[in-house]
PDB file of N, CA and C in Angstrom:
ATOM      1  N   MET A   1     -11.037  24.182   0.823  1.00  0.00           N
ATOM      2  CA  MET A   1      -9.543  22.645  -0.250  1.00  0.00           C
ATOM      3  C   MET A   1      -9.106  21.932   0.354  1.00  0.00           C
ATOM      4  N   SER A   2      -9.421  20.726  -0.028  1.00  0.00           N
ATOM      5  CA  SER A   2      -8.670  19.629   0.741  1.00  0.00           C
ATOM      6  C   SER A   2      -6.932  19.585   0.316  1.00  0.00           C
ATOM      7  N   SER A   3      -6.464  19.165   0.966  1.00  0.00           N
ATOM      8  CA  SER A   3      -4.751  19.350   0.283  1.00  0.00           C
ATOM      9  C   SER A   3      -4.549  17.884  -0.459  1.00  0.00           C
ATOM     10  N   PRO A   4      -3.244  18.019  -0.944  1.00  0.00           N
ATOM     11  CA  PRO A   4      -3.322  15.864  -1.022  1.00  0.00           C
ATOM     12  C   PRO A   4      -3.160  15.141  -0.497  1.00  0.00           C
ATOM     13  N   LEU A   5      -2.985  15.652   1.095  1.00  0.00           N
ATOM     14  CA  LEU A   5      -2.983  14.915   1.779  1.00  0.00           C
ATOM     15  C   LEU A   5      -4.578  14.567   1.810  1.00  0.00           C
ATOM     16  N   THR A   6      -5.373  15.462   2.655  1.00  0.00           N
ATOM     17  CA  THR A   6      -6.586  15.090   2.824  1.00  0.00           C
ATOM     18  C   THR A   6      -8.072  14.752   1.501  1.00  0.00           C
ATOM     19  N   MET A   7      -6.873  14.852   0.749  1.00  0.00           N
ATOM     20  CA  MET A   7      -7.649  14.308  -0.245  1.00  0.00           C
ATOM     21  C   MET A   7      -8.737  13.223  -0.529  1.00  0.00           C
ATOM     22  N   PRO A   8      -9.435  12.760  -1.117  1.00  0.00           N
ATOM     23  CA  PRO A   8     -10.425  11.700  -0.857  1.00  0.00           C
ATOM     24  C   PRO A   8      -9.666  10.676  -2.081  1.00  0.00           C
ATOM     25  N   ARG A   9     -10.103   9.271  -1.778  1.00  0.00           N
ATOM     26  CA  ARG A   9      -9.064   8.195  -2.700  1.00  0.00           C
ATOM     27  C   ARG A   9     -10.610   7.766  -3.364  1.00  0.00           C
ATOM     28  N   THR A  10     -10.054   7.620  -4.804  1.00  0.00           N
ATOM     29  CA  THR A  10     -11.288   7.810  -5.248  1.00  0.00           C
ATOM     30  C   THR A  10     -10.558   5.919  -6.472  1.00  0.00           C
ATOM     31  N   PRO A  11     -11.981   5.967  -7.327  1.00  0.00           N
ATOM     32  CA  PRO A  11     -10.095   4.803  -8.102  1.00  0.00           C
ATOM     33  C   PRO A  11      -9.627   4.870  -8.795  1.00  0.00           C
ATOM     34  N   MET A  12     -10.251   5.602  -9.025  1.00  0.00           N
ATOM     35  CA  MET A  12      -8.519   6.763  -9.512  1.00  0.00           C
ATOM     36  C   MET A  12      -7.259   6.648  -9.376  1.00  0.00           C
ATOM     37  N   ARG A  13      -7.765   7.313  -7.474  1.00  0.00           N
ATOM     38  CA  ARG A  13      -6.625   7.512  -8.012  1.00  0.00           C
ATOM     39  C   ARG A  13      -5.825   5.908  -6.494  1.00  0.00           C
ATOM     40  N   VAL A  14      -5.976   4.949  -6.609  1.00  0.00           N
ATOM     41  CA  VAL A  14      -6.204   3.915  -5.580  1.00  0.00           C
ATOM     42  C   VAL A  14      -5.297   2.904  -6.679  1.00  0.00           C
ATOM     43  N   LYS A  15      -5.476   3.066  -8.236  1.00  0.00           N
ATOM     44  CA  LYS A  15      -5.309   2.503  -8.549  1.00  0.00           C
ATOM     45  C   LYS A  15      -3.719   3.344  -9.334  1.00  0.00           C
ATOM     46  N   ALA A  16      -4.124   3.925  -9.184  1.00  0.00           N
ATOM     47  CA  ALA A  16      -2.512   5.013  -9.777  1.00  0.00           C
ATOM     48  C   ALA A  16      -1.901   4.902  -8.637  1.00  0.00           C
ATOM     49  N   LEU A  17      -2.199   4.560  -7.557  1.00  0.00           N
ATOM     50  CA  LEU A  17      -1.050   4.556  -6.514  1.00  0.00           C
ATOM     51  C   LEU A  17      -0.637   3.035  -6.509  1.00  0.00           C
ATOM     52  N   GLN A  18      -1.269   1.817  -7.073  1.00  0.00           N
ATOM     53  CA  GLN A  18      -1.776   0.760  -7.261  1.00  0.00           C
ATOM     54  C   GLN A  18      -0.416   0.264  -7.919  1.00  0.00           C
ATOM     55  N   ASP A  19      -0.343   1.777  -9.297  1.00  0.00           N
ATOM     56  CA  ASP A  19       0.120   0.881 -10.607  1.00  0.00           C
ATOM     57  C   ASP A  19       1.779   1.841 -10.382  1.00  0.00           C
ATOM     58  N   ALA A  20       1.773   2.813  -9.400  1.00  0.00           N
ATOM     59  CA  ALA A  20       3.252   3.304  -9.212  1.00  0.00           C
ATOM     60  C   ALA A  20       4.147   2.416  -8.244  1.00  0.00           C
ATOM     61  N   SER A  21       3.157   1.825  -7.507  1.00  0.00           N
ATOM     62  CA  SER A  21       3.871   1.097  -6.436  1.00  0.00           C
ATOM     63  C   SER A  21       4.569  -0.223  -7.454  1.00  0.00           C
ATOM     64  N   ARG A  22       4.140  -0.958  -7.527  1.00  0.00           N
ATOM     65  CA  ARG A  22       4.524  -2.142  -8.716  1.00  0.00           C
ATOM     66  C   ARG A  22       5.472  -1.624  -9.623  1.00  0.00           C
ATOM     67  N   ARG A  23       6.254  -0.567  -9.117  1.00  0.00           N
ATOM     68  CA  ARG A  23       7.811  -0.001 -10.290  1.00  0.00           C
ATOM     69  C   ARG A  23       8.837   0.469  -9.013  1.00  0.00           C
ATOM     70  N   LEU A  24       7.986  -0.209  -7.812  1.00  0.00           N
ATOM     71  CA  LEU A  24      10.149   0.152  -6.291  1.00  0.00           C
ATOM     72  C   LEU A  24       9.994  -1.102  -6.487  1.00  0.00           C
ATOM     73  N   ASP A  25      11.492  -1.171  -5.755  1.00  0.00           N
ATOM     74  CA  ASP A  25      11.843  -2.706  -5.718  1.00  0.00           C
ATOM     75  C   ASP A  25      11.344  -2.247  -3.550  1.00  0.00           C
ATOM     76  N   VAL A  26      11.493  -3.346  -3.302  1.00  0.00           N
ATOM     77  CA  VAL A  26      10.685  -3.495  -1.980  1.00  0.00           C
ATOM     78  C   VAL A  26      12.094  -4.748  -1.605  1.00  0.00           C
ATOM     79  N   VAL A  27      12.372  -4.507   0.001  1.00  0.00           N
ATOM     80  CA  VAL A  27      13.984  -4.892   0.504  1.00  0.00           C
ATOM     81  C   VAL A  27      12.846  -5.625   2.517  1.00  0.00           C
ATOM     82  N   PRO A  28      13.052  -7.059   1.858  1.00  0.00           N
ATOM     83  CA  PRO A  28      12.294  -6.898   3.817  1.00  0.00           C
ATOM     84  C   PRO A  28      13.526  -7.154   4.609  1.00  0.00           C
ATOM     85  N   VAL A  29      12.966  -5.867   5.469  1.00  0.00           N
ATOM     86  CA  VAL A  29      14.551  -6.544   6.675  1.00  0.00           C
ATOM     87  C   VAL A  29      14.047  -7.496   7.625  1.00  0.00           C
ATOM     88  N   GLU A  30      12.714  -7.172   7.965  1.00  0.00           N
ATOM     89  CA  GLU A  30      11.829  -7.968   9.353  1.00  0.00           C
ATOM     90  C   GLU A  30      10.246  -8.052   8.620  1.00  0.00           C
ATOM     91  N   PRO A  31      10.475  -8.538   7.520  1.00  0.00           N
ATOM     92  CA  PRO A  31       9.463  -9.267   7.418  1.00  0.00           C
ATOM     93  C   PRO A  31       7.776  -9.987   8.369  1.00  0.00           C
ATOM     94  N   GLU A  32       8.676 -10.551   9.204  1.00  0.00           N
ATOM     95  CA  GLU A  32       7.913 -11.082  10.314  1.00  0.00           C
ATOM     96  C   GLU A  32       7.000 -10.403  11.044  1.00  0.00           C
ATOM     97  N   ARG A  33       7.455  -8.544  10.868  1.00  0.00           N
ATOM     98  CA  ARG A  33       7.375  -8.173  11.724  1.00  0.00           C
ATOM     99  C   ARG A  33       6.177  -6.597  11.075  1.00  0.00           C
ATOM    100  N   GLY A  34       6.504  -6.954   9.543  1.00  0.00           N
ATOM    101  CA  GLY A  34       5.325  -5.568   9.064  1.00  0.00           C
ATOM    102  C   GLY A  34       6.813  -4.760   8.093  1.00  0.00           C
ATOM    103  N   HIS A  35       8.678  -5.183   8.916  1.00  0.00           N
ATOM    104  CA  HIS A  35       9.352  -3.947   8.021  1.00  0.00           C
ATOM    105  C   HIS A  35       9.914  -4.131   7.140  1.00  0.00           C
ATOM    106  N   TYR A  36      10.246  -3.064   6.475  1.00  0.00           N
ATOM    107  CA  TYR A  36      10.888  -3.413   4.945  1.00  0.00           C
ATOM    108  C   TYR A  36      11.361  -2.298   4.493  1.00  0.00           C
ATOM    109  N   PHE A  37      11.639  -1.414   3.521  1.00  0.00           N
ATOM    110  CA  PHE A  37      12.657  -0.539   2.681  1.00  0.00           C
ATOM    111  C   PHE A  37      12.130  -0.903   1.848  1.00  0.00           C
ATOM    112  N   VAL A  38      11.960   0.093   0.963  1.00  0.00           N
ATOM    113  CA  VAL A  38      10.915   1.099  -0.427  1.00  0.00           C
ATOM    114  C   VAL A  38      11.480   1.539  -1.098  1.00  0.00           C
ATOM    115  N   THR A  39      12.631   1.578  -2.123  1.00  0.00           N
ATOM    116  CA  THR A  39      12.745   2.490  -2.950  1.00  0.00           C
ATOM    117  C   THR A  39      11.885   3.379  -2.927  1.00  0.00           C
ATOM    118  N   SER A  40      12.756   4.397  -3.361  1.00  0.00           N
ATOM    119  CA  SER A  40      12.156   6.335  -3.118  1.00  0.00           C
ATOM    120  C   SER A  40      11.431   6.039  -5.052  1.00  0.00           C
ATOM    121  N   ALA A  41      10.196   6.134  -5.967  1.00  0.00           N
ATOM    122  CA  ALA A  41      10.595   7.267  -7.689  1.00  0.00           C
ATOM    123  C   ALA A  41      11.962   8.090  -7.937  1.00  0.00           C
ATOM    124  N   ALA A  42      11.341   8.395  -6.975  1.00  0.00           N
ATOM    125  CA  ALA A  42      11.994  10.233  -7.873  1.00  0.00           C
ATOM    126  C   ALA A  42      13.022  10.729  -7.537  1.00  0.00           C
ATOM    127  N   LYS A  43      13.887   9.924  -6.412  1.00  0.00           N
ATOM    128  CA  LYS A  43      15.877   9.836  -5.691  1.00  0.00           C
ATOM    129  C   LYS A  43      16.152   8.614  -5.722  1.00  0.00           C
ATOM    130  N   ASN A  44      17.462   8.851  -6.421  1.00  0.00           N
ATOM    131  CA  ASN A  44      17.602   7.114  -7.190  1.00  0.00           C
ATOM    132  C   ASN A  44      18.562   6.961  -5.829  1.00  0.00           C
ATOM    133  N   GLY A  45      18.464   5.422  -4.928  1.00  0.00           N
ATOM    134  CA  GLY A  45      19.409   5.681  -4.269  1.00  0.00           C
ATOM    135  C   GLY A  45      18.527   5.571  -2.513  1.00  0.00           C
ATOM    136  N   THR A  46      17.944   6.202  -2.474  1.00  0.00           N
ATOM    137  CA  THR A  46      17.331   6.395  -1.490  1.00  0.00           C
ATOM    138  C   THR A  46      16.323   5.718  -1.086  1.00  0.00           C
ATOM    139  N   TYR A  47      15.311   4.655   0.030  1.00  0.00           N
ATOM    140  CA  TYR A  47      15.058   4.166   0.639  1.00  0.00           C
ATOM    141  C   TYR A  47      14.124   4.074   1.920  1.00  0.00           C
ATOM    142  N   TYR A  48      12.686   4.135   1.798  1.00  0.00           N
ATOM    143  CA  TYR A  48      12.095   4.844   3.299  1.00  0.00           C
ATOM    144  C   TYR A  48      11.817   3.174   3.442  1.00  0.00           C
ATOM    145  N   GLU A  49      11.804   3.466   4.984  1.00  0.00           N
ATOM    146  CA  GLU A  49      11.095   2.544   5.941  1.00  0.00           C
ATOM    147  C   GLU A  49       9.347   2.307   5.913  1.00  0.00           C
ATOM    148  N   VAL A  50       8.973   1.653   5.805  1.00  0.00           N
ATOM    149  CA  VAL A  50       7.295   1.061   5.961  1.00  0.00           C
ATOM    150  C   VAL A  50       7.396   0.096   7.054  1.00  0.00           C
ATOM    151  N   THR A  51       6.296   0.296   7.407  1.00  0.00           N
ATOM    152  CA  THR A  51       6.269  -0.800   8.828  1.00  0.00           C
ATOM    153  C   THR A  51       4.426  -0.911   8.680  1.00  0.00           C
ATOM    154  N   LEU A  52       4.299  -2.242   8.006  1.00  0.00           N
ATOM    155  CA  LEU A  52       2.983  -2.434   8.344  1.00  0.00           C
ATOM    156  C   LEU A  52       2.187  -2.472  10.109  1.00  0.00           C
ATOM    157  N   ASN A  53       1.346  -2.243   9.803  1.00  0.00           N
ATOM    158  CA  ASN A  53       0.331  -2.471  10.926  1.00  0.00           C
ATOM    159  C   ASN A  53      -0.023  -3.984  10.831  1.00  0.00           C
ATOM    160  N   GLU A  54       0.165  -4.455  12.052  1.00  0.00           N
ATOM    161  CA  GLU A  54      -0.003  -5.680  12.209  1.00  0.00           C
ATOM    162  C   GLU A  54      -2.184  -6.659  12.244  1.00  0.00           C
ATOM    163  N   ASP A  55      -2.823  -5.531  11.751  1.00  0.00           N
ATOM    164  CA  ASP A  55      -4.228  -6.018  11.378  1.00  0.00           C
ATOM    165  C   ASP A  55      -4.031  -5.424  10.590  1.00  0.00           C
ATOM    166  N   GLY A  56      -4.873  -5.678   9.444  1.00  0.00           N
ATOM    167  CA  GLY A  56      -5.668  -5.070   8.097  1.00  0.00           C
ATOM    168  C   GLY A  56      -4.402  -4.298   7.701  1.00  0.00           C
ATOM    169  N   LEU A  57      -4.800  -4.079   6.517  1.00  0.00           N
ATOM    170  CA  LEU A  57      -4.036  -3.466   5.513  1.00  0.00           C
ATOM    171  C   LEU A  57      -3.378  -2.079   6.157  1.00  0.00           C
ATOM    172  N   GLY A  58      -2.266  -1.081   5.512  1.00  0.00           N
ATOM    173  CA  GLY A  58      -1.447   0.231   5.818  1.00  0.00           C
ATOM    174  C   GLY A  58      -0.427   0.032   6.697  1.00  0.00           C
ATOM    175  N   GLY A  59      -0.001   1.174   6.885  1.00  0.00           N
ATOM    176  CA  GLY A  59       1.003   1.132   8.513  1.00  0.00           C
ATOM    177  C   GLY A  59       1.286   2.322   7.885  1.00  0.00           C
ATOM    178  N   SER A  60       2.381   3.250   7.901  1.00  0.00           N
ATOM    179  CA  SER A  60       3.108   3.659   8.592  1.00  0.00           C
ATOM    180  C   SER A  60       4.905   4.041   7.774  1.00  0.00           C
ATOM    181  N   CYS A  61       5.646   5.635   6.426  1.00  0.00           N
ATOM    182  CA  CYS A  61       6.386   5.426   5.623  1.00  0.00           C
ATOM    183  C   CYS A  61       6.939   6.513   6.122  1.00  0.00           C
ATOM    184  N   THR A  62       8.132   6.656   6.051  1.00  0.00           N
ATOM    185  CA  THR A  62       9.349   7.810   6.295  1.00  0.00           C
ATOM    186  C   THR A  62       9.194   8.138   4.813  1.00  0.00           C
ATOM    187  N   CYS A  63       8.247   8.524   3.838  1.00  0.00           N
ATOM    188  CA  CYS A  63       8.442   8.874   2.559  1.00  0.00           C
ATOM    189  C   CYS A  63       7.642  10.728   2.986  1.00  0.00           C
ATOM    190  N   PRO A  64       7.889  11.789   2.176  1.00  0.00           N
ATOM    191  CA  PRO A  64       6.981  13.194   2.458  1.00  0.00           C
ATOM    192  C   PRO A  64       5.997  12.690   2.454  1.00  0.00           C
ATOM    193  N   TRP A  65       5.648  11.832   2.146  1.00  0.00           N
ATOM    194  CA  TRP A  65       3.708  12.096   1.876  1.00  0.00           C
ATOM    195  C   TRP A  65       3.212  11.660   3.586  1.00  0.00           C
ATOM    196  N   GLY A  66       3.739   9.918   3.731  1.00  0.00           N
ATOM    197  CA  GLY A  66       4.022   9.938   5.292  1.00  0.00           C
ATOM    198  C   GLY A  66       4.371  10.428   6.933  1.00  0.00           C
ATOM    199  N   ARG A  67       5.370  11.124   6.868  1.00  0.00           N
ATOM    200  CA  ARG A  67       5.634  12.180   7.208  1.00  0.00           C
ATOM    201  C   ARG A  67       5.304  13.627   7.809  1.00  0.00           C
ATOM    202  N   HIS A  68       4.148  13.931   7.055  1.00  0.00           N
ATOM    203  CA  HIS A  68       3.180  14.874   7.052  1.00  0.00           C
ATOM    204  C   HIS A  68       1.082  14.877   7.057  1.00  0.00           C
ATOM    205  N   GLY A  69       1.655  12.861   7.662  1.00  0.00           N
ATOM    206  CA  GLY A  69       0.193  12.445   7.907  1.00  0.00           C
ATOM    207  C   GLY A  69      -0.331  11.543   6.587  1.00  0.00           C
ATOM    208  N   GLY A  70      -0.174  11.636   6.093  1.00  0.00           N
ATOM    209  CA  GLY A  70      -0.608  11.393   5.045  1.00  0.00           C
ATOM    210  C   GLY A  70      -0.581   9.507   5.068  1.00  0.00           C
ATOM    211  N   GLU A  71      -1.895   8.207   4.668  1.00  0.00           N
ATOM    212  CA  GLU A  71      -2.162   7.230   4.846  1.00  0.00           C
ATOM    213  C   GLU A  71      -1.995   6.906   3.200  1.00  0.00           C
ATOM    214  N   ASN A  72      -1.052   5.073   3.059  1.00  0.00           N
ATOM    215  CA  ASN A  72      -0.997   4.303   2.830  1.00  0.00           C
ATOM    216  C   ASN A  72      -0.148   4.301   1.451  1.00  0.00           C
ATOM    217  N   CYS A  73       0.466   5.420   1.648  1.00  0.00           N
ATOM    218  CA  CYS A  73       1.208   5.493   0.242  1.00  0.00           C
ATOM    219  C   CYS A  73       2.156   4.753  -0.533  1.00  0.00           C
ATOM    220  N   LYS A  74       2.144   4.979  -2.223  1.00  0.00           N
ATOM    221  CA  LYS A  74       2.942   3.482  -3.193  1.00  0.00           C
ATOM    222  C   LYS A  74       3.398   3.090  -2.420  1.00  0.00           C
ATOM    223  N   HIS A  75       4.631   3.480  -1.031  1.00  0.00           N
ATOM    224  CA  HIS A  75       5.580   2.850  -0.651  1.00  0.00           C
ATOM    225  C   HIS A  75       4.868   1.520   0.233  1.00  0.00           C
ATOM    226  N   VAL A  76       3.685   1.711   0.911  1.00  0.00           N
ATOM    227  CA  VAL A  76       2.887   1.037   2.073  1.00  0.00           C
ATOM    228  C   VAL A  76       2.545  -0.184   1.259  1.00  0.00           C
ATOM    229  N   LEU A  77       1.992   0.224  -0.030  1.00  0.00           N
ATOM    230  CA  LEU A  77       0.755  -0.808  -1.097  1.00  0.00           C
ATOM    231  C   LEU A  77       2.003  -1.556  -1.697  1.00  0.00           C
ATOM    232  N   ALA A  78       3.209  -0.928  -2.221  1.00  0.00           N
ATOM    233  CA  ALA A  78       4.527  -1.930  -2.073  1.00  0.00           C
ATOM    234  C   ALA A  78       4.584  -2.620  -1.392  1.00  0.00           C
ATOM    235  N   ALA A  79       4.786  -2.675  -0.323  1.00  0.00           N
ATOM    236  CA  ALA A  79       5.201  -3.925   0.731  1.00  0.00           C
ATOM    237  C   ALA A  79       4.097  -4.628   1.255  1.00  0.00           C
ATOM    238  N   LEU A  80       3.267  -3.507   0.972  1.00  0.00           N
ATOM    239  CA  LEU A  80       2.214  -4.202   1.651  1.00  0.00           C
ATOM    240  C   LEU A  80       1.552  -6.445   0.259  1.00  0.00           C
ATOM    241  N   ARG A  81       2.226  -5.126  -1.172  1.00  0.00           N
ATOM    242  CA  ARG A  81       2.376  -6.379  -1.744  1.00  0.00           C
ATOM    243  C   ARG A  81       3.365  -7.821  -2.224  1.00  0.00           C
ATOM    244  N   VAL A  82       4.210  -7.087  -1.669  1.00  0.00           N
ATOM    245  CA  VAL A  82       4.937  -7.946  -0.929  1.00  0.00           C
ATOM    246  C   VAL A  82       4.449  -9.046   0.361  1.00  0.00           C
ATOM    247  N   HIS A  83       4.412  -8.234   1.301  1.00  0.00           N
ATOM    248  CA  HIS A  83       4.566  -8.753   2.789  1.00  0.00           C
ATOM    249  C   HIS A  83       2.887 -10.299   2.848  1.00  0.00           C
ATOM    250  N   TYR A  84       1.985 -10.315   1.752  1.00  0.00           N
ATOM    251  CA  TYR A  84       0.845 -10.212   1.150  1.00  0.00           C
ATOM    252  C   TYR A  84       0.760 -11.901   0.057  1.00  0.00           C
ATOM    253  N   ALA A  85       2.216 -11.571  -0.750  1.00  0.00           N
ATOM    254  CA  ALA A  85       2.663 -12.059  -1.503  1.00  0.00           C
ATOM    255  C   ALA A  85       2.418 -14.318  -2.027  1.00  0.00           C
ATOM    256  N   HIS A  86       2.710 -14.725  -0.849  1.00  0.00           N
ATOM    257  CA  HIS A  86       3.339 -16.182  -0.571  1.00  0.00           C
ATOM    258  C   HIS A  86       0.760 -16.511  -0.260  1.00  0.00           C
ATOM    259  N   GLU A  87       0.315 -15.517  -0.085  1.00  0.00           N
ATOM    260  CA  GLU A  87      -1.353 -15.825   0.030  1.00  0.00           C
ATOM    261  C   GLU A  87      -2.485 -16.160  -1.882  1.00  0.00           C
ATOM    262  N   GLY A  88      -1.375 -14.881  -2.030  1.00  0.00           N
ATOM    263  CA  GLY A  88      -1.696 -13.829  -3.895  1.00  0.00           C
ATOM    264  C   GLY A  88      -1.286 -12.889  -4.055  1.00  0.00           C
ATOM    265  N   GLN A  89      -1.763 -12.638  -5.530  1.00  0.00           N
ATOM    266  CA  GLN A  89      -1.748 -11.367  -5.962  1.00  0.00           C
ATOM    267  C   GLN A  89      -3.441 -10.834  -4.750  1.00  0.00           C
ATOM    268  N   LEU A  90      -2.299  -9.183  -4.257  1.00  0.00           N
ATOM    269  CA  LEU A  90      -2.975  -8.843  -3.798  1.00  0.00           C
ATOM    270  C   LEU A  90      -3.069  -7.291  -5.344  1.00  0.00           C
ATOM    271  N   SER A  91      -4.777  -6.647  -4.968  1.00  0.00           N
ATOM    272  CA  SER A  91      -5.435  -5.597  -5.623  1.00  0.00           C
ATOM    273  C   SER A  91      -5.763  -5.012  -4.958  1.00  0.00           C
ATOM    274  N   PHE A  92      -6.047  -3.829  -4.890  1.00  0.00           N
ATOM    275  CA  PHE A  92      -6.562  -2.612  -4.182  1.00  0.00           C
ATOM    276  C   PHE A  92      -7.727  -1.904  -4.641  1.00  0.00           C
ATOM    277  N   TRP A  93      -8.121  -1.899  -3.963  1.00  0.00           N
ATOM    278  CA  TRP A  93      -9.820  -0.743  -4.064  1.00  0.00           C
ATOM    279  C   TRP A  93      -9.593   0.404  -2.736  1.00  0.00           C
ATOM    280  N   PRO A  94     -11.128   1.255  -3.578  1.00  0.00           N
ATOM    281  CA  PRO A  94     -10.751   2.653  -2.394  1.00  0.00           C
ATOM    282  C   PRO A  94     -11.833   2.282  -1.671  1.00  0.00           C
ATOM    283  N   ASN A  95     -12.977   0.849  -1.742  1.00  0.00           N
ATOM    284  CA  ASN A  95     -13.695   1.324  -1.212  1.00  0.00           C
ATOM    285  C   ASN A  95     -14.471  -0.544  -1.366  1.00  0.00           C
ATOM    286  N   LEU A  96     -15.992  -0.772   0.308  1.00  0.00           N
ATOM    287  CA  LEU A  96     -16.238  -1.933   0.266  1.00  0.00           C
ATOM    288  C   LEU A  96     -16.509  -2.561  -0.383  1.00  0.00           C
ATOM    289  N   ASN A  97     -17.171  -2.149  -1.559  1.00  0.00           N
ATOM    290  CA  ASN A  97     -18.175  -2.288  -3.108  1.00  0.00           C
ATOM    291  C   ASN A  97     -17.749  -2.473  -4.319  1.00  0.00           C
ATOM    292  N   ALA A  98     -16.589  -1.801  -3.905  1.00  0.00           N
ATOM    293  CA  ALA A  98     -15.632  -2.712  -5.232  1.00  0.00           C
ATOM    294  C   ALA A  98     -14.991  -3.888  -4.764  1.00  0.00           C
ATOM    295  N   ALA A  99     -13.940  -4.040  -3.733  1.00  0.00           N
ATOM    296  CA  ALA A  99     -13.698  -4.849  -3.346  1.00  0.00           C
ATOM    297  C   ALA A  99     -14.308  -6.022  -3.455  1.00  0.00           C
ATOM    298  N   GLN A 100     -16.537  -6.567  -3.094  1.00  0.00           N
ATOM    299  CA  GLN A 100     -16.473  -7.141  -3.011  1.00  0.00           C
ATOM    300  C   GLN A 100     -16.941  -7.773  -4.712  1.00  0.00           C
ATOM    301  N   ARG A 101     -17.176  -6.934  -4.799  1.00  0.00           N
ATOM    302  CA  ARG A 101     -17.263  -6.625  -6.983  1.00  0.00           C
ATOM    303  C   ARG A 101     -16.429  -8.047  -7.530  1.00  0.00           C
ATOM    304  N   GLN A 102     -15.158  -8.558  -6.689  1.00  0.00           N
ATOM    305  CA  GLN A 102     -14.127  -8.832  -7.721  1.00  0.00           C
ATOM    306  C   GLN A 102     -14.431 -10.173  -6.864  1.00  0.00           C
ATOM    307  N   HIS A 103     -15.507 -10.957  -6.394  1.00  0.00           N
ATOM    308  CA  HIS A 103     -15.433 -12.240  -6.080  1.00  0.00           C
ATOM    309  C   HIS A 103     -14.056 -12.736  -5.073  1.00  0.00           C
ATOM    310  N   ARG A 104     -13.132 -12.044  -4.698  1.00  0.00           N
ATOM    311  CA  ARG A 104     -12.143 -13.003  -3.967  1.00  0.00           C
ATOM    312  C   ARG A 104     -12.103 -12.748  -2.562  1.00  0.00           C
ATOM    313  N   ARG A 105     -11.007 -13.128  -1.595  1.00  0.00           N
ATOM    314  CA  ARG A 105     -10.366 -13.031  -0.689  1.00  0.00           C
ATOM    315  C   ARG A 105     -10.697 -11.606  -0.563  1.00  0.00           C
ATOM    316  N   LEU A 106     -11.433 -11.029   0.502  1.00  0.00           N
ATOM    317  CA  LEU A 106     -11.420  -9.769   1.357  1.00  0.00           C
ATOM    318  C   LEU A 106     -10.401  -9.419   2.300  1.00  0.00           C
ATOM    319  N   VAL A 107      -9.629  -8.408   2.176  1.00  0.00           N
ATOM    320  CA  VAL A 107      -8.324  -7.919   3.346  1.00  0.00           C
ATOM    321  C   VAL A 107      -9.472  -6.472   3.737  1.00  0.00           C
ATOM    322  N   ARG A 108      -9.286  -6.212   4.248  1.00  0.00           N
ATOM    323  CA  ARG A 108      -9.582  -4.888   5.306  1.00  0.00           C
ATOM    324  C   ARG A 108      -8.850  -4.421   5.655  1.00  0.00           C
ATOM    325  N   GLY A 109      -8.169  -2.867   5.729  1.00  0.00           N
ATOM    326  CA  GLY A 109      -8.052  -1.926   5.890  1.00  0.00           C
ATOM    327  C   GLY A 109      -8.319  -0.746   6.750  1.00  0.00           C
ATOM    328  N   GLU A 110      -8.009   0.819   6.419  1.00  0.00           N
ATOM    329  CA  GLU A 110      -8.422   1.869   6.964  1.00  0.00           C
ATOM    330  C   GLU A 110      -8.464   2.393   5.450  1.00  0.00           C
ATOM    331  N   GLN A 111      -9.446   3.200   5.237  1.00  0.00           N
ATOM    332  CA  GLN A 111     -10.046   3.704   4.116  1.00  0.00           C
ATOM    333  C   GLN A 111      -9.160   2.819   2.713  1.00  0.00           C
ATOM    334  N   LEU A 112      -9.087   1.910   3.302  1.00  0.00           N
ATOM    335  CA  LEU A 112      -8.464   0.826   2.008  1.00  0.00           C
ATOM    336  C   LEU A 112      -8.470  -1.044   1.755  1.00  0.00           C
ATOM    337  N   TYR A 113      -8.778  -0.886   0.508  1.00  0.00           N
ATOM    338  CA  TYR A 113      -9.660  -2.901   0.445  1.00  0.00           C
ATOM    339  C   TYR A 113      -8.643  -3.495  -0.202  1.00  0.00           C
ATOM    340  N   GLY A 114      -8.425  -4.524  -0.084  1.00  0.00           N
ATOM    341  CA  GLY A 114      -7.856  -5.746  -0.932  1.00  0.00           C
ATOM    342  C   GLY A 114      -8.141  -7.097  -1.284  1.00  0.00           C
ATOM    343  N   THR A 115      -8.142  -7.025  -2.852  1.00  0.00           N
ATOM    344  CA  THR A 115      -9.099  -8.289  -2.453  1.00  0.00           C
ATOM    345  C   THR A 115      -7.986  -9.765  -2.755  1.00  0.00           C
ATOM    346  N   LEU A 116      -6.780 -10.579  -2.855  1.00  0.00           N
ATOM    347  CA  LEU A 116      -6.090 -11.409  -2.970  1.00  0.00           C
ATOM    348  C   LEU A 116      -6.476 -12.135  -4.052  1.00  0.00           C
ATOM    349  N   ARG A 117      -6.137 -12.704  -4.982  1.00  0.00           N
ATOM    350  CA  ARG A 117      -6.155 -13.751  -5.557  1.00  0.00           C
ATOM    351  C   ARG A 117      -5.308 -14.570  -5.970  1.00  0.00           C
ATOM    352  N   ARG A 118      -5.689 -15.443  -5.648  1.00  0.00           N
ATOM    353  CA  ARG A 118      -4.268 -17.005  -5.378  1.00  0.00           C
ATOM    354  C   ARG A 118      -3.156 -17.529  -6.188  1.00  0.00           C
ATOM    355  N   HIS A 119      -1.942 -17.605  -6.458  1.00  0.00           N
ATOM    356  CA  HIS A 119      -1.137 -17.812  -7.664  1.00  0.00           C
ATOM    357  C   HIS A 119      -2.077 -19.541  -8.677  1.00  0.00           C
TER     358      HIS A 119
END
């Protein structure tokens, strides 16, 4: 049986995480190095530290999900949206086929794909 941390990504899960990430505030700390603070949805006044990967979509987070091996939590997705904002609106997809169907610029990551829609 899979735990919530090892459950495969499905379109519904990726889209639910994407929607949740849009409600979070992101504070750039060192954006050129991919370093951000992102608010907690559950704990007012709490921020998690997010460090984005240098190559592609993904990153690590100090939230409970991230500390227990979860990848690409909603805090990472929120930081990625801000990090790529100068290039366009970033949308997330669970697999390569779903991302390619968008006919937009593709950004690949680990178990996550994104597309950029120009402003």
